[in-house]
PDB file of all heavy atoms in Angstrom:
ATOM      1  N   ASP A   1      -7.988   1.093  -7.923  1.00  0.00           N
ATOM      2  CA  ASP A   1      -8.986   1.316  -6.855  1.00  0.00           C
ATOM      3  C   ASP A   1      -8.536   0.698  -5.556  1.00  0.00           C
ATOM      4  O   ASP A   1      -9.033   1.056  -4.490  1.00  0.00           O
ATOM      5  CB  ASP A   1     -10.338   0.719  -7.282  1.00  0.00           C
ATOM      6  CG  ASP A   1     -10.871   1.303  -8.571  1.00  0.00           C
ATOM      7  OD1 ASP A   1     -11.131   2.536  -8.557  1.00  0.00           O
ATOM      8  OD2 ASP A   1     -10.961   0.595  -9.559  1.00  0.00           O
ATOM      9  N   VAL A   2      -7.637  -0.299  -5.652  1.00  0.00           N
ATOM     10  CA  VAL A   2      -7.074  -0.984  -4.478  1.00  0.00           C
ATOM     11  C   VAL A   2      -5.623  -1.259  -4.759  1.00  0.00           C
ATOM     12  O   VAL A   2      -5.242  -1.603  -5.880  1.00  0.00           O
ATOM     13  CB  VAL A   2      -7.822  -2.336  -4.192  1.00  0.00           C
ATOM     14  CG1 VAL A   2      -7.119  -3.100  -3.053  1.00  0.00           C
ATOM     15  CG2 VAL A   2      -9.276  -2.097  -3.860  1.00  0.00           C
ATOM     16  N   ILE A   3      -4.784  -1.108  -3.715  1.00  0.00           N
ATOM     17  CA  ILE A   3      -3.393  -1.556  -3.798  1.00  0.00           C
ATOM     18  C   ILE A   3      -3.206  -2.760  -2.885  1.00  0.00           C
ATOM     19  O   ILE A   3      -3.558  -2.717  -1.711  1.00  0.00           O
ATOM     20  CB  ILE A   3      -2.405  -0.430  -3.389  1.00  0.00           C
ATOM     21  CG1 ILE A   3      -2.500   0.728  -4.372  1.00  0.00           C
ATOM     22  CG2 ILE A   3      -0.986  -0.959  -3.295  1.00  0.00           C
ATOM     23  CD1 ILE A   3      -1.691   1.936  -3.968  1.00  0.00           C
ATOM     24  N   HIS A   4      -2.721  -3.837  -3.471  1.00  0.00           N
ATOM     25  CA  HIS A   4      -2.471  -5.079  -2.720  1.00  0.00           C
ATOM     26  C   HIS A   4      -0.957  -5.222  -2.613  1.00  0.00           C
ATOM     27  O   HIS A   4      -0.302  -5.612  -3.566  1.00  0.00           O
ATOM     28  CB  HIS A   4      -3.095  -6.269  -3.459  1.00  0.00           C
ATOM     29  CG  HIS A   4      -3.124  -7.550  -2.689  1.00  0.00           C
ATOM     30  ND1 HIS A   4      -4.055  -8.533  -2.880  1.00  0.00           N
ATOM     31  CD2 HIS A   4      -2.325  -8.011  -1.701  1.00  0.00           C
ATOM     32  CE1 HIS A   4      -3.824  -9.535  -2.069  1.00  0.00           C
ATOM     33  NE2 HIS A   4      -2.757  -9.255  -1.347  1.00  0.00           N
ATOM     34  N   ALA A   5      -0.429  -4.931  -1.414  1.00  0.00           N
ATOM     35  CA  ALA A   5       1.029  -4.925  -1.195  1.00  0.00           C
ATOM     36  C   ALA A   5       1.453  -6.203  -0.507  1.00  0.00           C
ATOM     37  O   ALA A   5       0.860  -6.587   0.494  1.00  0.00           O
ATOM     38  CB  ALA A   5       1.439  -3.717  -0.371  1.00  0.00           C
ATOM     39  N   HIS A   6       2.488  -6.846  -1.075  1.00  0.00           N
ATOM     40  CA  HIS A   6       2.894  -8.160  -0.589  1.00  0.00           C
ATOM     41  C   HIS A   6       4.195  -8.001   0.256  1.00  0.00           C
ATOM     42  O   HIS A   6       5.211  -7.570  -0.283  1.00  0.00           O
ATOM     43  CB  HIS A   6       3.121  -9.103  -1.745  1.00  0.00           C
ATOM     44  CG  HIS A   6       1.856  -9.387  -2.531  1.00  0.00           C
ATOM     45  ND1 HIS A   6       1.056 -10.491  -2.278  1.00  0.00           N
ATOM     46  CD2 HIS A   6       1.238  -8.677  -3.490  1.00  0.00           C
ATOM     47  CE1 HIS A   6       0.015 -10.452  -3.084  1.00  0.00           C
ATOM     48  NE2 HIS A   6       0.095  -9.378  -3.818  1.00  0.00           N
ATOM     49  N   ASP A   7       4.093  -8.372   1.532  1.00  0.00           N
ATOM     50  CA  ASP A   7       5.160  -8.339   2.514  1.00  0.00           C
ATOM     51  C   ASP A   7       5.341  -6.956   3.117  1.00  0.00           C
ATOM     52  O   ASP A   7       4.790  -5.959   2.669  1.00  0.00           O
ATOM     53  CB  ASP A   7       6.471  -8.908   1.974  1.00  0.00           C
ATOM     54  CG  ASP A   7       6.413 -10.434   1.882  1.00  0.00           C
ATOM     55  OD1 ASP A   7       5.791 -11.064   2.764  1.00  0.00           O
ATOM     56  OD2 ASP A   7       7.018 -11.002   0.954  1.00  0.00           O
ATOM     57  N   MET A   8       6.163  -6.924   4.190  1.00  0.00           N
ATOM     58  CA  MET A   8       6.193  -5.743   5.090  1.00  0.00           C
ATOM     59  C   MET A   8       6.873  -4.539   4.417  1.00  0.00           C
ATOM     60  O   MET A   8       6.357  -3.420   4.518  1.00  0.00           O
ATOM     61  CB  MET A   8       6.916  -6.085   6.387  1.00  0.00           C
ATOM     62  CG  MET A   8       6.091  -7.005   7.286  1.00  0.00           C
ATOM     63  SD  MET A   8       6.878  -7.256   8.885  1.00  0.00           S
ATOM     64  CE  MET A   8       5.546  -8.175   9.727  1.00  0.00           C
ATOM     65  N   ARG A   9       7.997  -4.768   3.774  1.00  0.00           N
ATOM     66  CA  ARG A   9       8.713  -3.646   3.179  1.00  0.00           C
ATOM     67  C   ARG A   9       7.863  -2.981   2.108  1.00  0.00           C
ATOM     68  O   ARG A   9       7.754  -1.746   2.054  1.00  0.00           O
ATOM     69  CB  ARG A   9      10.034  -4.107   2.582  1.00  0.00           C
ATOM     70  CG  ARG A   9      10.862  -3.018   1.953  1.00  0.00           C
ATOM     71  CD  ARG A   9      12.234  -3.540   1.557  1.00  0.00           C
ATOM     72  NE  ARG A   9      13.085  -2.466   1.073  1.00  0.00           N
ATOM     73  CZ  ARG A   9      14.375  -2.597   0.810  1.00  0.00           C
ATOM     74  NH1 ARG A   9      14.977  -3.744   1.052  1.00  0.00           N
ATOM     75  NH2 ARG A   9      15.111  -1.583   0.330  1.00  0.00           N
ATOM     76  N   THR A  10       7.250  -3.753   1.247  1.00  0.00           N
ATOM     77  CA  THR A  10       6.412  -3.246   0.196  1.00  0.00           C
ATOM     78  C   THR A  10       5.194  -2.486   0.790  1.00  0.00           C
ATOM     79  O   THR A  10       4.812  -1.446   0.278  1.00  0.00           O
ATOM     80  CB  THR A  10       5.940  -4.378  -0.736  1.00  0.00           C
ATOM     81  OG1 THR A  10       7.081  -5.094  -1.156  1.00  0.00           O
ATOM     82  CG2 THR A  10       5.185  -3.819  -1.919  1.00  0.00           C
ATOM     83  N   SER A  11       4.606  -3.061   1.813  1.00  0.00           N
ATOM     84  CA  SER A  11       3.450  -2.436   2.457  1.00  0.00           C
ATOM     85  C   SER A  11       3.830  -1.058   3.016  1.00  0.00           C
ATOM     86  O   SER A  11       3.043  -0.125   2.970  1.00  0.00           O
ATOM     87  CB  SER A  11       2.894  -3.341   3.550  1.00  0.00           C
ATOM     88  OG  SER A  11       2.451  -4.571   3.048  1.00  0.00           O
ATOM     89  N   PHE A  12       5.019  -0.997   3.597  1.00  0.00           N
ATOM     90  CA  PHE A  12       5.508   0.270   4.148  1.00  0.00           C
ATOM     91  C   PHE A  12       5.644   1.322   3.042  1.00  0.00           C
ATOM     92  O   PHE A  12       5.145   2.470   3.197  1.00  0.00           O
ATOM     93  CB  PHE A  12       6.836   0.065   4.833  1.00  0.00           C
ATOM     94  CG  PHE A  12       7.542   1.349   5.240  1.00  0.00           C
ATOM     95  CD1 PHE A  12       7.043   2.136   6.291  1.00  0.00           C
ATOM     96  CD2 PHE A  12       8.685   1.736   4.581  1.00  0.00           C
ATOM     97  CE1 PHE A  12       7.684   3.310   6.639  1.00  0.00           C
ATOM     98  CE2 PHE A  12       9.325   2.927   4.948  1.00  0.00           C
ATOM     99  CZ  PHE A  12       8.816   3.699   5.973  1.00  0.00           C
ATOM    100  N   VAL A  13       6.260   0.976   1.916  1.00  0.00           N
ATOM    101  CA  VAL A  13       6.402   1.906   0.814  1.00  0.00           C
ATOM    102  C   VAL A  13       5.050   2.332   0.272  1.00  0.00           C
ATOM    103  O   VAL A  13       4.774   3.508   0.028  1.00  0.00           O
ATOM    104  CB  VAL A  13       7.259   1.306  -0.314  1.00  0.00           C
ATOM    105  CG1 VAL A  13       7.273   2.215  -1.548  1.00  0.00           C
ATOM    106  CG2 VAL A  13       8.691   1.052   0.171  1.00  0.00           C
ATOM    107  N   ALA A  14       4.144   1.339   0.102  1.00  0.00           N
ATOM    108  CA  ALA A  14       2.801   1.647  -0.413  1.00  0.00           C
ATOM    109  C   ALA A  14       2.047   2.554   0.540  1.00  0.00           C
ATOM    110  O   ALA A  14       1.308   3.446   0.085  1.00  0.00           O
ATOM    111  CB  ALA A  14       2.035   0.374  -0.654  1.00  0.00           C
ATOM    112  N   ALA A  15       2.208   2.374   1.836  1.00  0.00           N
ATOM    113  CA  ALA A  15       1.508   3.200   2.799  1.00  0.00           C
ATOM    114  C   ALA A  15       1.902   4.647   2.728  1.00  0.00           C
ATOM    115  O   ALA A  15       1.130   5.529   3.048  1.00  0.00           O
ATOM    116  CB  ALA A  15       1.775   2.646   4.221  1.00  0.00           C
ATOM    117  N   LEU A  16       3.142   4.921   2.307  1.00  0.00           N
ATOM    118  CA  LEU A  16       3.647   6.277   2.216  1.00  0.00           C
ATOM    119  C   LEU A  16       3.101   7.047   1.034  1.00  0.00           C
ATOM    120  O   LEU A  16       3.242   8.261   0.972  1.00  0.00           O
ATOM    121  CB  LEU A  16       5.169   6.256   2.172  1.00  0.00           C
ATOM    122  CG  LEU A  16       5.890   5.734   3.429  1.00  0.00           C
ATOM    123  CD1 LEU A  16       7.392   5.763   3.201  1.00  0.00           C
ATOM    124  CD2 LEU A  16       5.506   6.477   4.692  1.00  0.00           C
ATOM    125  N   CYS A  17       2.541   6.324   0.034  1.00  0.00           N
ATOM    126  CA  CYS A  17       2.167   7.030  -1.178  1.00  0.00           C
ATOM    127  C   CYS A  17       0.795   6.669  -1.729  1.00  0.00           C
ATOM    128  O   CYS A  17       0.392   7.163  -2.769  1.00  0.00           O
ATOM    129  CB  CYS A  17       3.214   6.781  -2.282  1.00  0.00           C
ATOM    130  SG  CYS A  17       3.308   5.064  -2.842  1.00  0.00           S
ATOM    131  N   CYS A  18       0.018   5.842  -1.024  1.00  0.00           N
ATOM    132  CA  CYS A  18      -1.255   5.387  -1.568  1.00  0.00           C
ATOM    133  C   CYS A  18      -2.385   6.420  -1.434  1.00  0.00           C
ATOM    134  O   CYS A  18      -3.410   6.302  -2.090  1.00  0.00           O
ATOM    135  CB  CYS A  18      -1.684   4.068  -0.925  1.00  0.00           C
ATOM    136  SG  CYS A  18      -1.967   4.132   0.854  1.00  0.00           S
ATOM    137  N   GLY A  19      -2.156   7.428  -0.578  1.00  0.00           N
ATOM    138  CA  GLY A  19      -3.179   8.466  -0.462  1.00  0.00           C
ATOM    139  C   GLY A  19      -4.506   7.888   0.035  1.00  0.00           C
ATOM    140  O   GLY A  19      -4.576   7.187   1.022  1.00  0.00           O
ATOM    141  N   ARG A  20      -5.576   8.176  -0.745  1.00  0.00           N
ATOM    142  CA  ARG A  20      -6.907   7.674  -0.383  1.00  0.00           C
ATOM    143  C   ARG A  20      -7.219   6.280  -0.959  1.00  0.00           C
ATOM    144  O   ARG A  20      -8.306   5.747  -0.731  1.00  0.00           O
ATOM    145  CB  ARG A  20      -7.973   8.653  -0.848  1.00  0.00           C
ATOM    146  CG  ARG A  20      -7.873  10.012  -0.164  1.00  0.00           C
ATOM    147  CD  ARG A  20      -9.020  10.934  -0.621  1.00  0.00           C
ATOM    148  NE  ARG A  20      -8.990  12.208   0.066  1.00  0.00           N
ATOM    149  CZ  ARG A  20      -9.852  13.196  -0.145  1.00  0.00           C
ATOM    150  NH1 ARG A  20     -10.843  13.019  -1.025  1.00  0.00           N
ATOM    151  NH2 ARG A  20      -9.758  14.349   0.518  1.00  0.00           N
ATOM    152  N   ILE A  21      -6.276   5.727  -1.678  1.00  0.00           N
ATOM    153  CA  ILE A  21      -6.511   4.405  -2.277  1.00  0.00           C
ATOM    154  C   ILE A  21      -6.413   3.362  -1.161  1.00  0.00           C
ATOM    155  O   ILE A  21      -5.416   3.326  -0.432  1.00  0.00           O
ATOM    156  CB  ILE A  21      -5.495   4.111  -3.353  1.00  0.00           C
ATOM    157  CG1 ILE A  21      -5.515   5.188  -4.455  1.00  0.00           C
ATOM    158  CG2 ILE A  21      -5.723   2.724  -3.992  1.00  0.00           C
ATOM    159  CD1 ILE A  21      -4.365   5.081  -5.431  1.00  0.00           C
ATOM    160  N   PRO A  22      -7.401   2.487  -1.008  1.00  0.00           N
ATOM    161  CA  PRO A  22      -7.354   1.467   0.027  1.00  0.00           C
ATOM    162  C   PRO A  22      -6.155   0.568  -0.148  1.00  0.00           C
ATOM    163  O   PRO A  22      -5.843   0.124  -1.264  1.00  0.00           O
ATOM    164  CB  PRO A  22      -8.662   0.715  -0.149  1.00  0.00           C
ATOM    165  CG  PRO A  22      -9.567   1.650  -0.872  1.00  0.00           C
ATOM    166  CD  PRO A  22      -8.676   2.452  -1.763  1.00  0.00           C
ATOM    167  N   LEU A  23      -5.468   0.270   0.976  1.00  0.00           N
ATOM    168  CA  LEU A  23      -4.301  -0.586   0.966  1.00  0.00           C
ATOM    169  C   LEU A  23      -4.624  -1.913   1.652  1.00  0.00           C
ATOM    170  O   LEU A  23      -5.117  -1.947   2.765  1.00  0.00           O
ATOM    171  CB  LEU A  23      -3.154   0.105   1.702  1.00  0.00           C
ATOM    172  CG  LEU A  23      -1.905  -0.737   1.965  1.00  0.00           C
ATOM    173  CD1 LEU A  23      -1.213  -1.084   0.623  1.00  0.00           C
ATOM    174  CD2 LEU A  23      -0.912   0.027   2.857  1.00  0.00           C
ATOM    175  N   ILE A  24      -4.356  -3.008   0.947  1.00  0.00           N
ATOM    176  CA  ILE A  24      -4.453  -4.345   1.508  1.00  0.00           C
ATOM    177  C   ILE A  24      -3.004  -4.849   1.672  1.00  0.00           C
ATOM    178  O   ILE A  24      -2.247  -4.849   0.709  1.00  0.00           O
ATOM    179  CB  ILE A  24      -5.236  -5.312   0.581  1.00  0.00           C
ATOM    180  CG1 ILE A  24      -6.578  -4.734   0.226  1.00  0.00           C
ATOM    181  CG2 ILE A  24      -5.354  -6.697   1.248  1.00  0.00           C
ATOM    182  CD1 ILE A  24      -7.503  -4.471   1.380  1.00  0.00           C
TER     183      ILE A  24
END
């Protein structure tokens, strides 16, 4: 229901594929 991405590189990858799932 939530993706918690740690650090910038991981956040970038998560942002490209999280769709409608909220990203922290």
